[in-house]
Amino acid sequence: MEPDKIASEIKKLSLPQKLILAQDIWDSIALERGTLPMPEWQKSELERRYSQYKQGKLELYDWREVHEELRETY
């Protein structure tokens, strides 16, 4: 199916139907995550950060604190 046709059909859906469709799409992507290629620069960066983490050289933040700070700032 062509992307324009898909978009047209999606516009016809109710909000609950769109949410279910979105969840189904994310679920299908999650099943294929192992097949998604990762660029070499990204692999290198992840390895660098993990190495720093293991050596205790990274400052870690609790996600709740980060969210709170972002809410206060913006």
C-alpha atoms as a PDB file:
ATOM      1  CA  MET A   1       0.000   0.000   0.000  1.00  0.00           C
ATOM      2  CA  GLU A   2       1.253   3.479  -0.858  1.00  0.00           C
ATOM      3  CA  PRO A   3       2.140   5.847   2.030  1.00  0.00           C
ATOM      4  CA  ASP A   4      -0.455   8.417   0.900  1.00  0.00           C
ATOM      5  CA  LYS A   5      -3.159   5.760   0.899  1.00  0.00           C
ATOM      6  CA  ILE A   6      -2.107   4.597   4.373  1.00  0.00           C
ATOM      7  CA  ALA A   7      -2.193   8.163   5.708  1.00  0.00           C
ATOM      8  CA  SER A   8      -5.616   8.670   4.196  1.00  0.00           C
ATOM      9  CA  GLU A   9      -6.945   5.511   5.841  1.00  0.00           C
ATOM     10  CA  ILE A  10      -5.420   6.452   9.210  1.00  0.00           C
ATOM     11  CA  LYS A  11      -7.256   9.799   9.140  1.00  0.00           C
ATOM     12  CA  LYS A  12     -10.539   7.875   8.961  1.00  0.00           C
ATOM     13  CA  LEU A  13      -9.850   6.028  12.224  1.00  0.00           C
ATOM     14  CA  SER A  14     -11.162   7.065  15.630  1.00  0.00           C
ATOM     15  CA  LEU A  15      -8.679   8.090  18.293  1.00  0.00           C
ATOM     16  CA  PRO A  16      -8.881   4.730  20.126  1.00  0.00           C
ATOM     17  CA  GLN A  17      -8.297   2.923  16.821  1.00  0.00           C
ATOM     18  CA  LYS A  18      -5.287   5.147  16.070  1.00  0.00           C
ATOM     19  CA  LEU A  19      -3.826   4.414  19.511  1.00  0.00           C
ATOM     20  CA  ILE A  20      -4.233   0.677  19.009  1.00  0.00           C
ATOM     21  CA  LEU A  21      -2.640   0.958  15.559  1.00  0.00           C
ATOM     22  CA  ALA A  22       0.276   2.962  16.983  1.00  0.00           C
ATOM     23  CA  GLN A  23       0.834   0.331  19.673  1.00  0.00           C
ATOM     24  CA  ASP A  24       0.700  -2.449  17.080  1.00  0.00           C
ATOM     25  CA  ILE A  25       3.292  -0.630  14.957  1.00  0.00           C
ATOM     26  CA  TRP A  26       5.628  -0.148  17.966  1.00  0.00           C
ATOM     27  CA  ASP A  27       5.200  -3.813  18.906  1.00  0.00           C
ATOM     28  CA  SER A  28       6.123  -4.914  15.375  1.00  0.00           C
ATOM     29  CA  ILE A  29       9.188  -2.643  15.436  1.00  0.00           C
ATOM     30  CA  ALA A  30      10.258  -4.087  18.798  1.00  0.00           C
ATOM     31  CA  LEU A  31      10.131  -7.594  17.372  1.00  0.00           C
ATOM     32  CA  GLU A  32      12.526  -6.553  14.603  1.00  0.00           C
ATOM     33  CA  ARG A  33      14.932  -4.491  16.712  1.00  0.00           C
ATOM     34  CA  GLY A  34      17.722  -7.015  16.197  1.00  0.00           C
ATOM     35  CA  THR A  35      17.591  -6.443  12.461  1.00  0.00           C
ATOM     36  CA  LEU A  36      17.944  -2.667  12.664  1.00  0.00           C
ATOM     37  CA  PRO A  37      21.476  -1.760  11.624  1.00  0.00           C
ATOM     38  CA  MET A  38      23.491   0.382  14.017  1.00  0.00           C
ATOM     39  CA  PRO A  39      26.062   2.753  12.524  1.00  0.00           C
ATOM     40  CA  GLU A  40      29.662   2.133  13.527  1.00  0.00           C
ATOM     41  CA  TRP A  41      29.963   5.602  15.119  1.00  0.00           C
ATOM     42  CA  GLN A  42      27.028   4.773  17.385  1.00  0.00           C
ATOM     43  CA  LYS A  43      28.511   1.424  18.426  1.00  0.00           C
ATOM     44  CA  SER A  44      31.798   3.149  19.239  1.00  0.00           C
ATOM     45  CA  GLU A  45      30.050   5.810  21.305  1.00  0.00           C
ATOM     46  CA  LEU A  46      28.083   3.207  23.269  1.00  0.00           C
ATOM     47  CA  GLU A  47      31.259   1.240  23.928  1.00  0.00           C
ATOM     48  CA  ARG A  48      33.056   4.403  25.059  1.00  0.00           C
ATOM     49  CA  ARG A  49      30.256   5.343  27.446  1.00  0.00           C
ATOM     50  CA  TYR A  50      29.938   1.817  28.827  1.00  0.00           C
ATOM     51  CA  SER A  51      33.682   1.712  29.444  1.00  0.00           C
ATOM     52  CA  GLN A  52      33.483   5.037  31.310  1.00  0.00           C
ATOM     53  CA  TYR A  53      30.528   3.712  33.316  1.00  0.00           C
ATOM     54  CA  LYS A  54      32.420   0.565  34.352  1.00  0.00           C
ATOM     55  CA  GLN A  55      35.377   2.708  35.438  1.00  0.00           C
ATOM     56  CA  GLY A  56      33.098   4.954  37.519  1.00  0.00           C
ATOM     57  CA  LYS A  57      33.918   7.982  35.385  1.00  0.00           C
ATOM     58  CA  LEU A  58      30.324   8.888  34.496  1.00  0.00           C
ATOM     59  CA  GLU A  59      27.970  10.907  36.642  1.00  0.00           C
ATOM     60  CA  LEU A  60      24.608   9.139  36.585  1.00  0.00           C
ATOM     61  CA  TYR A  61      21.240  10.801  37.141  1.00  0.00           C
ATOM     62  CA  ASP A  62      17.945   9.377  38.301  1.00  0.00           C
ATOM     63  CA  TRP A  63      15.365   9.848  35.551  1.00  0.00           C
ATOM     64  CA  ARG A  64      12.849  11.286  38.025  1.00  0.00           C
ATOM     65  CA  GLU A  65      15.289  14.038  38.954  1.00  0.00           C
ATOM     66  CA  VAL A  66      16.002  14.784  35.299  1.00  0.00           C
ATOM     67  CA  HIS A  67      12.283  15.021  34.498  1.00  0.00           C
ATOM     68  CA  GLU A  68      11.667  17.263  37.487  1.00  0.00           C
ATOM     69  CA  GLU A  69      14.503  19.588  36.502  1.00  0.00           C
ATOM     70  CA  LEU A  70      13.226  19.758  32.928  1.00  0.00           C
ATOM     71  CA  ARG A  71       9.702  20.558  34.148  1.00  0.00           C
ATOM     72  CA  GLU A  72      11.038  23.346  36.353  1.00  0.00           C
ATOM     73  CA  THR A  73      13.201  24.761  33.574  1.00  0.00           C
ATOM     74  CA  TYR A  74      10.664  24.581  30.764  1.00  0.00           C
END
